C-alpha atoms as a PDB file:
ATOM      1  CA  MET A   1      -0.023  -0.025   0.045  1.00  0.00           C
ATOM      2  CA  PRO A   2       1.523   3.208  -0.610  1.00  0.00           C
ATOM      3  CA  SER A   3       1.968   6.100   1.653  1.00  0.00           C
ATOM      4  CA  ILE A   4       0.215   9.425   1.750  1.00  0.00           C
ATOM      5  CA  ALA A   5       3.322  11.262   0.983  1.00  0.00           C
ATOM      6  CA  HIS A   6       3.964   9.179  -2.061  1.00  0.00           C
ATOM      7  CA  LEU A   7       0.477   9.210  -3.280  1.00  0.00           C
ATOM      8  CA  THR A   8       0.495  13.119  -2.963  1.00  0.00           C
ATOM      9  CA  GLU A   9       3.781  13.442  -4.488  1.00  0.00           C
ATOM     10  CA  GLU A  10       2.441  11.400  -7.792  1.00  0.00           C
ATOM     11  CA  PHE A  11      -0.687  13.340  -7.727  1.00  0.00           C
ATOM     12  CA  PHE A  12       0.874  16.792  -8.276  1.00  0.00           C
ATOM     13  CA  ARG A  13       3.672  15.095 -10.735  1.00  0.00           C
ATOM     14  CA  THR A  14       1.202  13.403 -12.760  1.00  0.00           C
ATOM     15  CA  LEU A  15      -1.486  16.478 -12.973  1.00  0.00           C
ATOM     16  CA  PRO A  16      -0.309  17.469 -16.067  1.00  0.00           C
ATOM     17  CA  PHE A  17      -0.660  14.282 -17.952  1.00  0.00           C
ATOM     18  CA  PHE A  18      -4.543  13.712 -16.471  1.00  0.00           C
ATOM     19  CA  TRP A  19      -5.495  16.994 -17.867  1.00  0.00           C
ATOM     20  CA  LYS A  20      -6.217  15.902 -21.407  1.00  0.00           C
ATOM     21  CA  PRO A  21      -7.998  12.573 -20.344  1.00  0.00           C
ATOM     22  CA  LEU A  22     -10.175  14.320 -17.958  1.00  0.00           C
ATOM     23  CA  LEU A  23     -11.388  16.586 -20.869  1.00  0.00           C
ATOM     24  CA  LEU A  24     -12.000  13.547 -23.007  1.00  0.00           C
ATOM     25  CA  THR A  25     -13.763  12.161 -20.324  1.00  0.00           C
ATOM     26  CA  PHE A  26     -15.890  15.182 -19.883  1.00  0.00           C
ATOM     27  CA  GLU A  27     -16.666  14.922 -23.573  1.00  0.00           C
ATOM     28  CA  LEU A  28     -17.616  11.494 -23.958  1.00  0.00           C
ATOM     29  CA  THR A  29     -19.753  11.789 -20.967  1.00  0.00           C
ATOM     30  CA  ILE A  30     -21.576  14.789 -22.455  1.00  0.00           C
ATOM     31  CA  ALA A  31     -21.808  13.562 -25.703  1.00  0.00           C
ATOM     32  CA  SER A  32     -23.205  10.144 -24.762  1.00  0.00           C
ATOM     33  CA  VAL A  33     -25.818  11.534 -22.330  1.00  0.00           C
ATOM     34  CA  ILE A  34     -27.283  14.017 -24.925  1.00  0.00           C
ATOM     35  CA  ALA A  35     -27.284  11.256 -27.366  1.00  0.00           C
ATOM     36  CA  GLY A  36     -28.750   9.200 -25.000  1.00  0.00           C
ATOM     37  CA  SER A  37     -31.345  11.318 -23.788  1.00  0.00           C
ATOM     38  CA  ILE A  38     -32.778  12.062 -27.459  1.00  0.00           C
ATOM     39  CA  ILE A  39     -32.630   8.205 -28.015  1.00  0.00           C
ATOM     40  CA  GLY A  40     -34.324   7.671 -24.418  1.00  0.00           C
ATOM     41  CA  LEU A  41     -37.054  10.019 -25.105  1.00  0.00           C
ATOM     42  CA  PHE A  42     -38.029   8.639 -28.263  1.00  0.00           C
ATOM     43  CA  VAL A  43     -38.357   5.260 -26.864  1.00  0.00           C
ATOM     44  CA  ALA A  44     -40.586   6.631 -24.148  1.00  0.00           C
ATOM     45  CA  LEU A  45     -42.811   8.131 -26.296  1.00  0.00           C
ATOM     46  CA  LEU A  46     -42.973   4.667 -28.159  1.00  0.00           C
ATOM     47  CA  LYS A  47     -43.976   3.219 -24.956  1.00  0.00           C
ATOM     48  CA  VAL A  48     -46.645   5.369 -23.806  1.00  0.00           C
ATOM     49  CA  SER A  49     -48.190   5.499 -27.233  1.00  0.00           C
ATOM     50  CA  LYS A  50     -51.364   3.652 -28.843  1.00  0.00           C
ATOM     51  CA  PHE A  51     -48.967   2.001 -31.631  1.00  0.00           C
ATOM     52  CA  LYS A  52     -48.320  -1.552 -30.887  1.00  0.00           C
ATOM     53  CA  LEU A  53     -45.449  -2.215 -33.159  1.00  0.00           C
ATOM     54  CA  GLY A  54     -43.819   0.847 -31.312  1.00  0.00           C
ATOM     55  CA  GLN A  55     -44.232  -0.524 -28.008  1.00  0.00           C
ATOM     56  CA  ILE A  56     -43.021  -4.026 -29.058  1.00  0.00           C
ATOM     57  CA  VAL A  57     -39.859  -2.509 -30.558  1.00  0.00           C
ATOM     58  CA  ALA A  58     -39.117  -0.276 -27.462  1.00  0.00           C
ATOM     59  CA  ASN A  59     -39.676  -3.000 -24.858  1.00  0.00           C
ATOM     60  CA  VAL A  60     -37.506  -5.437 -27.171  1.00  0.00           C
ATOM     61  CA  TYR A  61     -34.696  -2.644 -27.033  1.00  0.00           C
ATOM     62  CA  ILE A  62     -34.878  -1.952 -23.361  1.00  0.00           C
ATOM     63  CA  MET A  63     -34.870  -5.657 -22.608  1.00  0.00           C
ATOM     64  CA  VAL A  64     -31.665  -6.338 -24.854  1.00  0.00           C
ATOM     65  CA  ILE A  65     -29.825  -3.382 -23.566  1.00  0.00           C
ATOM     66  CA  ARG A  66     -30.226  -3.807 -19.947  1.00  0.00           C
ATOM     67  CA  GLY A  67     -29.948  -7.489 -20.357  1.00  0.00           C
ATOM     68  CA  THR A  68     -26.291  -7.552 -21.963  1.00  0.00           C
ATOM     69  CA  PRO A  69     -22.876  -5.893 -20.417  1.00  0.00           C
ATOM     70  CA  LEU A  70     -22.135  -2.308 -21.424  1.00  0.00           C
ATOM     71  CA  ILE A  71     -18.540  -3.795 -22.217  1.00  0.00           C
ATOM     72  CA  VAL A  72     -19.977  -6.295 -24.783  1.00  0.00           C
ATOM     73  CA  GLN A  73     -21.889  -3.413 -26.633  1.00  0.00           C
ATOM     74  CA  ILE A  74     -18.595  -1.270 -26.771  1.00  0.00           C
ATOM     75  CA  PHE A  75     -16.791  -4.268 -28.489  1.00  0.00           C
ATOM     76  CA  VAL A  76     -19.528  -5.016 -30.777  1.00  0.00           C
ATOM     77  CA  LEU A  77     -19.789  -1.302 -32.094  1.00  0.00           C
ATOM     78  CA  TYR A  78     -15.949  -1.135 -32.202  1.00  0.00           C
ATOM     79  CA  PHE A  79     -14.747  -4.317 -33.445  1.00  0.00           C
ATOM     80  CA  GLY A  80     -18.150  -5.358 -35.370  1.00  0.00           C
ATOM     81  CA  PHE A  81     -19.251  -2.315 -37.167  1.00  0.00           C
ATOM     82  CA  TYR A  82     -15.873  -0.697 -38.212  1.00  0.00           C
ATOM     83  CA  LYS A  83     -15.828  -3.406 -41.199  1.00  0.00           C
ATOM     84  CA  VAL A  84     -18.980  -1.419 -42.340  1.00  0.00           C
ATOM     85  CA  ILE A  85     -18.238   2.077 -41.118  1.00  0.00           C
ATOM     86  CA  ASP A  86     -15.512   2.855 -39.104  1.00  0.00           C
ATOM     87  CA  LEU A  87     -16.655   4.956 -36.114  1.00  0.00           C
ATOM     88  CA  GLY A  88     -13.312   5.402 -34.306  1.00  0.00           C
ATOM     89  CA  GLN A  89     -12.883   5.024 -30.601  1.00  0.00           C
ATOM     90  CA  PHE A  90     -14.573   8.237 -29.394  1.00  0.00           C
ATOM     91  CA  TRP A  91     -17.820   7.639 -31.275  1.00  0.00           C
ATOM     92  CA  SER A  92     -17.676   3.921 -30.845  1.00  0.00           C
ATOM     93  CA  ALA A  93     -17.598   4.352 -27.281  1.00  0.00           C
ATOM     94  CA  THR A  94     -20.158   7.547 -27.367  1.00  0.00           C
ATOM     95  CA  LEU A  95     -22.722   5.644 -29.161  1.00  0.00           C
ATOM     96  CA  ALA A  96     -22.328   2.679 -27.109  1.00  0.00           C
ATOM     97  CA  LEU A  97     -22.915   4.721 -24.011  1.00  0.00           C
ATOM     98  CA  ALA A  98     -25.747   6.741 -25.504  1.00  0.00           C
ATOM     99  CA  ILE A  99     -27.545   3.173 -26.406  1.00  0.00           C
ATOM    100  CA  HIS A 100     -26.900   1.700 -22.846  1.00  0.00           C
ATOM    101  CA  SER A 101     -27.914   4.820 -20.801  1.00  0.00           C
ATOM    102  CA  GLY A 102     -30.806   5.478 -23.503  1.00  0.00           C
ATOM    103  CA  ALA A 103     -32.537   2.390 -22.181  1.00  0.00           C
ATOM    104  CA  TYR A 104     -32.325   3.675 -18.639  1.00  0.00           C
ATOM    105  CA  ILE A 105     -33.397   7.133 -19.513  1.00  0.00           C
ATOM    106  CA  ALA A 106     -36.244   6.057 -21.419  1.00  0.00           C
ATOM    107  CA  GLU A 107     -37.804   4.347 -18.174  1.00  0.00           C
ATOM    108  CA  ILE A 108     -37.314   7.592 -16.529  1.00  0.00           C
ATOM    109  CA  PHE A 109     -38.896   9.587 -18.958  1.00  0.00           C
ATOM    110  CA  ARG A 110     -41.859   6.902 -19.204  1.00  0.00           C
ATOM    111  CA  GLY A 111     -42.319   7.087 -15.541  1.00  0.00           C
ATOM    112  CA  SER A 112     -42.314  11.040 -15.635  1.00  0.00           C
ATOM    113  CA  ILE A 113     -44.596  11.117 -18.363  1.00  0.00           C
ATOM    114  CA  GLN A 114     -47.136   8.596 -16.717  1.00  0.00           C
ATOM    115  CA  SER A 115     -46.908  10.410 -13.569  1.00  0.00           C
ATOM    116  CA  ILE A 116     -48.568  13.507 -14.899  1.00  0.00           C
ATOM    117  CA  ASP A 117     -52.156  13.170 -14.007  1.00  0.00           C
ATOM    118  CA  LYS A 118     -54.431  12.041 -16.817  1.00  0.00           C
ATOM    119  CA  GLY A 119     -56.792  14.681 -16.733  1.00  0.00           C
ATOM    120  CA  GLN A 120     -54.265  17.153 -18.042  1.00  0.00           C
ATOM    121  CA  MET A 121     -54.503  15.276 -21.580  1.00  0.00           C
ATOM    122  CA  GLU A 122     -58.396  15.094 -21.213  1.00  0.00           C
ATOM    123  CA  ALA A 123     -58.147  18.833 -20.572  1.00  0.00           C
ATOM    124  CA  GLY A 124     -55.763  19.476 -23.641  1.00  0.00           C
ATOM    125  CA  LEU A 125     -57.781  17.454 -26.072  1.00  0.00           C
ATOM    126  CA  SER A 126     -61.072  19.309 -24.489  1.00  0.00           C
ATOM    127  CA  LEU A 127     -59.463  22.738 -25.563  1.00  0.00           C
ATOM    128  CA  GLY A 128     -59.118  21.645 -29.334  1.00  0.00           C
ATOM    129  CA  MET A 129     -55.361  20.334 -29.152  1.00  0.00           C
ATOM    130  CA  SER A 130     -54.461  17.118 -30.583  1.00  0.00           C
ATOM    131  CA  THR A 131     -52.753  14.381 -28.577  1.00  0.00           C
ATOM    132  CA  GLY A 132     -49.242  15.368 -30.156  1.00  0.00           C
ATOM    133  CA  GLN A 133     -49.706  19.084 -29.203  1.00  0.00           C
ATOM    134  CA  THR A 134     -51.106  18.398 -25.752  1.00  0.00           C
ATOM    135  CA  MET A 135     -48.155  16.032 -25.064  1.00  0.00           C
ATOM    136  CA  ARG A 136     -45.376  18.796 -26.310  1.00  0.00           C
ATOM    137  CA  ARG A 137     -47.307  21.758 -24.778  1.00  0.00           C
ATOM    138  CA  ILE A 138     -48.606  20.380 -21.457  1.00  0.00           C
ATOM    139  CA  ILE A 139     -47.314  16.916 -20.557  1.00  0.00           C
ATOM    140  CA  LEU A 140     -43.597  16.973 -21.358  1.00  0.00           C
ATOM    141  CA  PRO A 141     -42.651  20.404 -20.042  1.00  0.00           C
ATOM    142  CA  GLN A 142     -43.696  18.858 -16.621  1.00  0.00           C
ATOM    143  CA  ALA A 143     -42.492  15.571 -17.353  1.00  0.00           C
ATOM    144  CA  MET A 144     -39.116  16.759 -17.979  1.00  0.00           C
ATOM    145  CA  LYS A 145     -38.755  18.888 -14.690  1.00  0.00           C
ATOM    146  CA  ARG A 146     -39.874  15.629 -12.635  1.00  0.00           C
ATOM    147  CA  SER A 147     -37.065  13.414 -14.616  1.00  0.00           C
ATOM    148  CA  ILE A 148     -34.215  16.124 -13.608  1.00  0.00           C
ATOM    149  CA  PRO A 149     -33.231  14.555 -10.455  1.00  0.00           C
ATOM    150  CA  PRO A 150     -33.158  10.929 -11.858  1.00  0.00           C
ATOM    151  CA  LEU A 151     -31.431  11.975 -15.169  1.00  0.00           C
ATOM    152  CA  GLY A 152     -28.593  13.748 -12.765  1.00  0.00           C
ATOM    153  CA  ASN A 153     -28.123  10.226 -11.376  1.00  0.00           C
ATOM    154  CA  GLN A 154     -27.991   8.617 -14.672  1.00  0.00           C
ATOM    155  CA  PHE A 155     -25.460  11.285 -15.640  1.00  0.00           C
ATOM    156  CA  ILE A 156     -23.268  10.217 -12.836  1.00  0.00           C
ATOM    157  CA  LEU A 157     -23.698   6.767 -13.850  1.00  0.00           C
ATOM    158  CA  SER A 158     -22.563   7.273 -17.254  1.00  0.00           C
ATOM    159  CA  LEU A 159     -19.527   9.336 -16.353  1.00  0.00           C
ATOM    160  CA  LYS A 160     -18.311   6.328 -14.198  1.00  0.00           C
ATOM    161  CA  GLU A 161     -19.306   4.070 -16.803  1.00  0.00           C
ATOM    162  CA  SER A 162     -17.158   5.928 -19.443  1.00  0.00           C
ATOM    163  CA  SER A 163     -14.104   4.381 -17.882  1.00  0.00           C
ATOM    164  CA  LEU A 164     -14.841   1.248 -19.831  1.00  0.00           C
ATOM    165  CA  ALA A 165     -13.783   3.117 -23.250  1.00  0.00           C
ATOM    166  CA  ALA A 166     -10.247   2.199 -21.819  1.00  0.00           C
ATOM    167  CA  PHE A 167     -10.558  -1.264 -23.290  1.00  0.00           C
ATOM    168  CA  ILE A 168     -10.817   0.223 -27.012  1.00  0.00           C
ATOM    169  CA  ALA A 169      -7.575   2.068 -26.187  1.00  0.00           C
ATOM    170  CA  MET A 170      -9.041   5.369 -25.542  1.00  0.00           C
ATOM    171  CA  ASP A 171      -6.810   7.733 -23.855  1.00  0.00           C
ATOM    172  CA  GLU A 172      -9.296   8.568 -21.121  1.00  0.00           C
ATOM    173  CA  LEU A 173      -8.545   8.653 -17.244  1.00  0.00           C
ATOM    174  CA  PHE A 174      -8.578   5.136 -16.572  1.00  0.00           C
ATOM    175  CA  SER A 175      -6.819   4.067 -19.742  1.00  0.00           C
ATOM    176  CA  LEU A 176      -4.086   6.631 -18.720  1.00  0.00           C
ATOM    177  CA  ALA A 177      -3.787   4.883 -14.804  1.00  0.00           C
ATOM    178  CA  ARG A 178      -3.591   1.638 -16.758  1.00  0.00           C
ATOM    179  CA  ARG A 179      -0.780   3.019 -18.957  1.00  0.00           C
ATOM    180  CA  LEU A 180       1.148   4.663 -15.596  1.00  0.00           C
ATOM    181  CA  SER A 181       0.576   1.451 -13.724  1.00  0.00           C
ATOM    182  CA  ALA A 182       2.175  -0.812 -16.294  1.00  0.00           C
ATOM    183  CA  GLU A 183       5.346   1.463 -17.181  1.00  0.00           C
ATOM    184  CA  THR A 184       5.960   1.833 -13.082  1.00  0.00           C
ATOM    185  CA  PHE A 185       4.735  -1.582 -11.908  1.00  0.00           C
ATOM    186  CA  ASP A 186       3.025   0.735  -9.376  1.00  0.00           C
ATOM    187  CA  GLU A 187      -0.522  -0.202  -9.897  1.00  0.00           C
ATOM    188  CA  MET A 188      -2.304   0.809  -6.753  1.00  0.00           C
ATOM    189  CA  THR A 189      -0.911   4.159  -6.636  1.00  0.00           C
ATOM    190  CA  TYR A 190      -2.172   5.216  -9.919  1.00  0.00           C
ATOM    191  CA  PHE A 191      -5.391   3.365  -9.654  1.00  0.00           C
ATOM    192  CA  LEU A 192      -6.175   4.929  -6.297  1.00  0.00           C
ATOM    193  CA  ILE A 193      -5.157   8.496  -7.864  1.00  0.00           C
ATOM    194  CA  VAL A 194      -7.587   7.943 -10.904  1.00  0.00           C
ATOM    195  CA  ALA A 195     -10.008   6.729  -8.248  1.00  0.00           C
ATOM    196  CA  LEU A 196      -9.810  10.286  -6.541  1.00  0.00           C
ATOM    197  CA  TYR A 197     -10.181  12.012 -10.024  1.00  0.00           C
ATOM    198  CA  TYR A 198     -13.484  10.252 -10.513  1.00  0.00           C
ATOM    199  CA  LEU A 199     -14.673  10.636  -6.697  1.00  0.00           C
ATOM    200  CA  VAL A 200     -13.959  14.365  -6.843  1.00  0.00           C
ATOM    201  CA  ILE A 201     -16.055  14.747 -10.343  1.00  0.00           C
ATOM    202  CA  VAL A 202     -18.823  12.530  -9.019  1.00  0.00           C
ATOM    203  CA  MET A 203     -19.048  14.755  -5.739  1.00  0.00           C
ATOM    204  CA  ILE A 204     -19.147  18.025  -7.812  1.00  0.00           C
ATOM    205  CA  PHE A 205     -22.106  16.559  -9.823  1.00  0.00           C
ATOM    206  CA  THR A 206     -23.889  15.235  -7.028  1.00  0.00           C
ATOM    207  CA  TYR A 207     -23.889  18.540  -5.359  1.00  0.00           C
ATOM    208  CA  ILE A 208     -25.170  19.987  -8.707  1.00  0.00           C
ATOM    209  CA  VAL A 209     -27.801  17.611  -8.768  1.00  0.00           C
ATOM    210  CA  HIS A 210     -28.794  18.191  -5.237  1.00  0.00           C
ATOM    211  CA  VAL A 211     -28.795  21.908  -5.889  1.00  0.00           C
ATOM    212  CA  MET A 212     -31.229  21.324  -8.922  1.00  0.00           C
ATOM    213  CA  GLU A 213     -33.532  19.210  -6.644  1.00  0.00           C
ATOM    214  CA  LYS A 214     -33.844  21.641  -4.188  1.00  0.00           C
ATOM    215  CA  ARG A 215     -34.648  24.606  -6.638  1.00  0.00           C
ATOM    216  CA  LEU A 216     -37.243  22.297  -8.209  1.00  0.00           C
ATOM    217  CA  ALA A 217     -38.803  21.343  -4.899  1.00  0.00           C
ATOM    218  CA  LYS A 218     -39.380  25.099  -3.958  1.00  0.00           C
ATOM    219  CA  GLY A 219     -40.851  25.674  -7.430  1.00  0.00           C
ATOM    220  CA  ASP A 220     -43.614  23.021  -6.818  1.00  0.00           C
ATOM    221  CA  VAL A 221     -44.379  24.667  -3.440  1.00  0.00           C
END
């Protein structure tokens, strides 16, 4: 077990090396969450629609994605699809994370949409709006507001899951820690350092989500 002094020394010594992988981790997480949210919203709307085929497609997608490991999905996209189209490391990882998180985000959106009182849909229809207009103007704004806290938690989860991109040689935080460990044979030091990076980032985003939850709670009063 490395000493505190050694960990501190190595943390500051390697700080310049971790800066670029840290930014890449942020880019990967943000891109995958945005894409995953779009996928999730589309799938959620299919699930709550009266379109039977759409419901089946949405249910199969969620079942397959939630029933298979993320690392397998990354490998399938990176090693399987590149024969048809070379997505590259970043977009392979982004797409895999987006498809993976989209299944969970779909359930978040579905639950938020179905939590809105059915009378509001009836009220919108009685005012002459179509089902789509009522969903867009009345239901979805409220559902989006209710979905922010669990979406924040999903963002944090996606941030941690981005470490799996290291297995397709993407130079993010965990990948750099593996490389430094291999070069120095000091595995524990660098894995503890990268764990500290993830811990600090997760604590920051947890605080942001907590603040947003409090503000939303005040708005509901």
